[in-house]
Protein backbone atom coordinates (compact mmCIF):
# COMPACT_ATOMS: atom_id res chain seq x y z
CA MET A 1 31.16 19.63 -26.47
CA THR A 2 32.10 15.98 -26.43
CA THR A 3 30.80 13.18 -28.60
CA ARG A 4 30.36 9.44 -28.62
CA ALA A 5 33.35 7.52 -29.88
CA GLY A 6 33.02 7.19 -33.65
CA SER A 7 30.21 9.75 -33.85
CA ASP A 8 30.01 13.47 -34.41
CA ARG A 9 26.89 13.73 -32.25
CA PRO A 10 26.97 14.15 -28.47
CA GLN A 11 25.10 12.00 -26.02
CA ILE A 12 22.71 14.10 -23.99
CA ALA A 13 22.60 12.95 -20.37
CA VAL A 14 19.50 14.29 -18.61
CA VAL A 15 19.22 14.54 -14.82
CA CYS A 16 15.60 14.06 -13.77
CA ALA A 17 13.34 14.01 -10.73
CA ALA A 18 11.73 10.55 -10.57
CA PHE A 19 8.43 9.61 -8.95
CA ASP A 20 7.29 6.84 -6.68
CA ALA A 21 5.51 3.80 -8.15
CA ASP A 22 2.05 5.26 -7.44
CA GLY A 23 3.02 8.40 -9.36
CA ASP A 24 4.27 6.32 -12.29
CA ARG A 25 0.95 4.46 -12.38
CA ALA A 26 -1.06 7.69 -12.27
CA ILE A 27 0.92 9.10 -15.19
CA ALA A 28 0.41 5.84 -17.12
CA GLU A 29 -3.33 6.36 -16.65
CA VAL A 30 -3.08 9.87 -18.11
CA ARG A 31 -1.15 8.47 -21.08
CA ALA A 32 -3.90 5.86 -21.58
CA LEU A 33 -6.52 8.63 -21.54
CA VAL A 34 -4.56 10.59 -24.16
CA ARG A 35 -4.37 7.47 -26.37
CA SER A 36 -8.13 6.96 -26.01
CA LEU A 37 -8.61 10.56 -27.19
CA GLY A 38 -6.47 10.06 -30.31
CA GLY A 39 -3.05 11.20 -29.10
CA ARG A 40 0.19 9.24 -29.41
CA ALA A 41 1.39 8.42 -25.91
CA ALA A 42 3.87 5.61 -25.31
CA VAL A 43 2.52 2.43 -23.77
CA LYS A 44 5.98 1.30 -22.61
CA PRO A 45 8.29 4.33 -22.63
CA ALA A 46 12.07 3.82 -22.63
CA HIS A 47 12.22 5.40 -19.15
CA HIS A 48 10.04 6.21 -16.16
CA PRO A 49 8.01 9.43 -16.08
CA HIS A 50 10.08 12.34 -14.77
CA LEU A 51 10.65 16.06 -14.52
CA THR A 52 13.80 17.11 -16.38
CA LEU A 53 16.06 19.10 -14.06
CA SER A 54 19.12 19.74 -16.26
CA ALA A 55 21.15 18.10 -19.01
CA ALA A 56 24.66 18.00 -20.47
CA ALA A 57 26.28 16.86 -23.70
CA VAL A 58 28.87 14.23 -22.85
CA GLU A 59 30.96 11.49 -24.39
CA GLU A 60 30.18 9.08 -21.56
CA PRO A 61 27.31 9.60 -19.07
CA SER A 62 28.89 7.93 -16.01
CA GLY A 63 30.19 11.24 -14.64
CA ILE A 64 26.70 12.73 -14.85
CA VAL A 65 25.28 9.66 -13.08
CA ARG A 66 27.73 10.26 -10.19
CA ILE A 67 26.81 13.96 -9.99
CA ALA A 68 23.09 13.05 -9.96
CA ALA A 69 23.67 10.56 -7.12
CA ARG A 70 25.35 13.29 -5.03
CA VAL A 71 22.43 15.64 -5.71
CA ALA A 72 19.97 12.93 -4.61
CA LYS A 73 21.78 12.48 -1.30
CA ARG A 74 21.37 16.18 -0.49
CA HIS A 75 17.57 16.17 -0.82
CA LYS A 76 14.70 14.45 0.94
CA PRO A 77 11.67 13.05 -0.91
CA PHE A 78 8.77 15.46 -1.19
CA ARG A 79 5.13 15.55 -2.24
CA LEU A 80 4.18 17.23 -5.49
CA ARG A 81 0.91 18.12 -7.20
CA LEU A 82 0.78 17.92 -10.99
CA SER A 83 -2.10 20.22 -11.85
CA GLU A 84 -1.37 21.86 -15.19
CA VAL A 85 -1.77 20.53 -18.75
CA GLY A 86 0.39 22.29 -21.31
CA THR A 87 1.84 21.92 -24.78
CA PHE A 88 5.15 22.57 -26.54
CA GLY A 89 6.12 23.02 -30.14
CA ARG A 90 3.19 23.42 -32.46
CA GLY A 91 0.97 22.31 -29.61
CA ASP A 92 1.28 18.61 -30.33
CA VAL A 93 3.63 17.72 -27.46
CA VAL A 94 1.53 17.41 -24.32
CA TRP A 95 2.83 17.63 -20.77
CA ILE A 96 1.52 17.82 -17.24
CA GLY A 97 3.30 19.79 -14.60
CA PRO A 98 3.33 21.31 -11.16
CA SER A 99 3.51 24.80 -9.88
CA ARG A 100 6.97 25.44 -8.56
CA SER A 101 7.47 24.49 -4.92
CA GLY A 102 10.34 25.15 -2.54
CA PRO A 103 11.69 21.58 -2.59
CA LEU A 104 11.33 21.24 -6.37
CA THR A 105 13.00 24.59 -7.05
CA ALA A 106 15.87 23.71 -4.69
CA LEU A 107 16.34 20.33 -6.36
CA GLN A 108 16.41 21.81 -9.86
CA ARG A 109 18.84 24.57 -8.89
CA ASP A 110 21.14 22.01 -7.24
CA ALA A 111 21.13 19.73 -10.30
CA TYR A 112 21.72 22.67 -12.65
CA SER A 113 24.54 24.23 -10.63
CA SER A 114 26.16 20.85 -9.91
CA LEU A 115 26.51 20.16 -13.63
CA ILE A 116 27.83 23.68 -14.27
CA ASP A 117 30.30 23.42 -11.37
CA ALA A 118 31.59 20.13 -12.80
CA GLY A 119 32.25 21.79 -16.17
CA HIS A 120 29.11 20.63 -18.01
CA PRO A 121 27.26 23.53 -19.63
CA PRO A 122 23.51 23.01 -20.14
CA ALA A 123 22.61 20.94 -23.21
CA PHE A 124 19.22 22.60 -23.63
CA ALA A 125 20.46 26.20 -23.54
CA GLY A 126 18.23 28.43 -21.41
CA GLN A 127 15.58 25.75 -20.86
CA SER A 128 17.53 24.36 -17.90
CA HIS A 129 18.46 27.73 -16.42
CA PRO A 130 16.50 28.16 -13.18
CA ARG A 131 14.87 31.38 -14.43
CA GLY A 132 13.60 29.80 -17.66
CA TRP A 133 12.98 26.26 -16.43
CA ARG A 134 9.44 24.89 -16.84
CA PRO A 135 8.86 21.77 -14.71
CA HIS A 136 6.95 19.28 -16.84
CA CYS A 137 6.40 15.58 -17.46
CA THR A 138 5.94 14.82 -21.16
CA ILE A 139 2.84 12.70 -21.68
CA ALA A 140 2.38 12.45 -25.46
CA ARG A 141 3.57 13.59 -28.85
CA TRP A 142 1.66 14.14 -32.08
CA THR A 143 -1.57 14.97 -30.29
CA PRO A 144 -4.47 16.62 -32.12
CA GLN A 145 -5.76 19.86 -30.59
CA GLN A 146 -9.18 18.35 -29.88
CA ALA A 147 -7.50 15.62 -27.80
CA VAL A 148 -5.51 18.27 -25.88
CA ASP A 149 -8.70 20.23 -25.21
CA GLU A 150 -10.51 17.10 -23.99
CA LEU A 151 -7.57 16.16 -21.75
CA ARG A 152 -7.63 19.63 -20.20
CA ALA A 153 -11.37 19.28 -19.54
CA ARG A 154 -11.04 15.83 -17.95
CA PHE A 155 -7.67 16.10 -16.16
CA GLU A 156 -7.68 15.92 -12.39
CA PRO A 157 -4.55 16.83 -10.41
CA ILE A 158 -2.15 14.04 -9.54
CA TYR A 159 -0.48 13.92 -6.15
CA LEU A 160 2.77 11.98 -6.11
CA ASN A 161 6.11 11.76 -4.37
CA VAL A 162 9.43 12.76 -5.90
CA ASP A 163 11.75 10.20 -4.31
CA ALA A 164 14.75 9.69 -6.60
CA ILE A 165 16.99 11.17 -9.25
CA THR A 166 17.36 9.30 -12.51
CA THR A 167 19.76 9.94 -15.37
CA ILE A 168 18.49 9.34 -18.89
CA VAL A 169 20.38 9.34 -22.18
CA VAL A 170 18.29 10.92 -24.93
CA GLY A 171 17.56 8.94 -28.06
CA GLY A 172 15.91 5.80 -26.79
CA HIS A 173 18.77 4.70 -24.56
CA GLY A 174 16.63 5.05 -21.46
CA GLU A 175 17.80 5.23 -17.86
CA VAL A 176 21.50 4.82 -17.17
CA GLY A 177 21.48 5.84 -13.51
CA TYR A 178 19.16 5.90 -10.53
CA ALA A 179 19.70 7.26 -7.00
CA ALA A 180 17.18 7.31 -4.17
CA MET A 181 16.88 10.61 -2.36
CA ALA A 182 18.01 10.95 1.27
CA ASP A 183 16.04 9.02 3.90
CA ARG A 184 14.03 7.06 1.36
CA LYS A 185 13.17 3.53 2.35
CA GLY A 186 12.68 0.72 -0.14
CA ALA A 187 14.21 -0.52 -3.34
CA ARG A 188 14.17 0.68 -6.89
CA ARG A 189 10.86 0.44 -8.67
């Protein structure tokens, strides 16, 4: 495992499926609902909403950014339905997620195996392995159970497009790389 210069802690570079602008807005609306219910959801997160595909501990994330760009070029944008509300941890981390689809599963497997093939073992242990991977978009942290229950009752599925791959460095650093998927028209959000 490598580390940042002058630090004994690695940087975790996360390869993520990114959404179109309409999807980002829809997720912002869900975050606003969670806040209105008493949960702690970021108003201006350090990065765009995403589905984590895989991650690696690195000294410098530029190699991961290049791998992510190659993965993006091998996949076309696709439509996705976020229909599930779930929780992690003690139940206070709230996420929304899709059922697995062919294009999403193929994208995740490609990102995971591309990092492995380049000599980057998964940073999140079995969570990134295709068999144990749970596609999710984190919405809020520190959310009371009553707010989670109310969100589940009021949540309506979100239809959005996955149209890019973004690379994020964990710890508030935000996005360090962005690559549009094959055949996507338009500029970065």
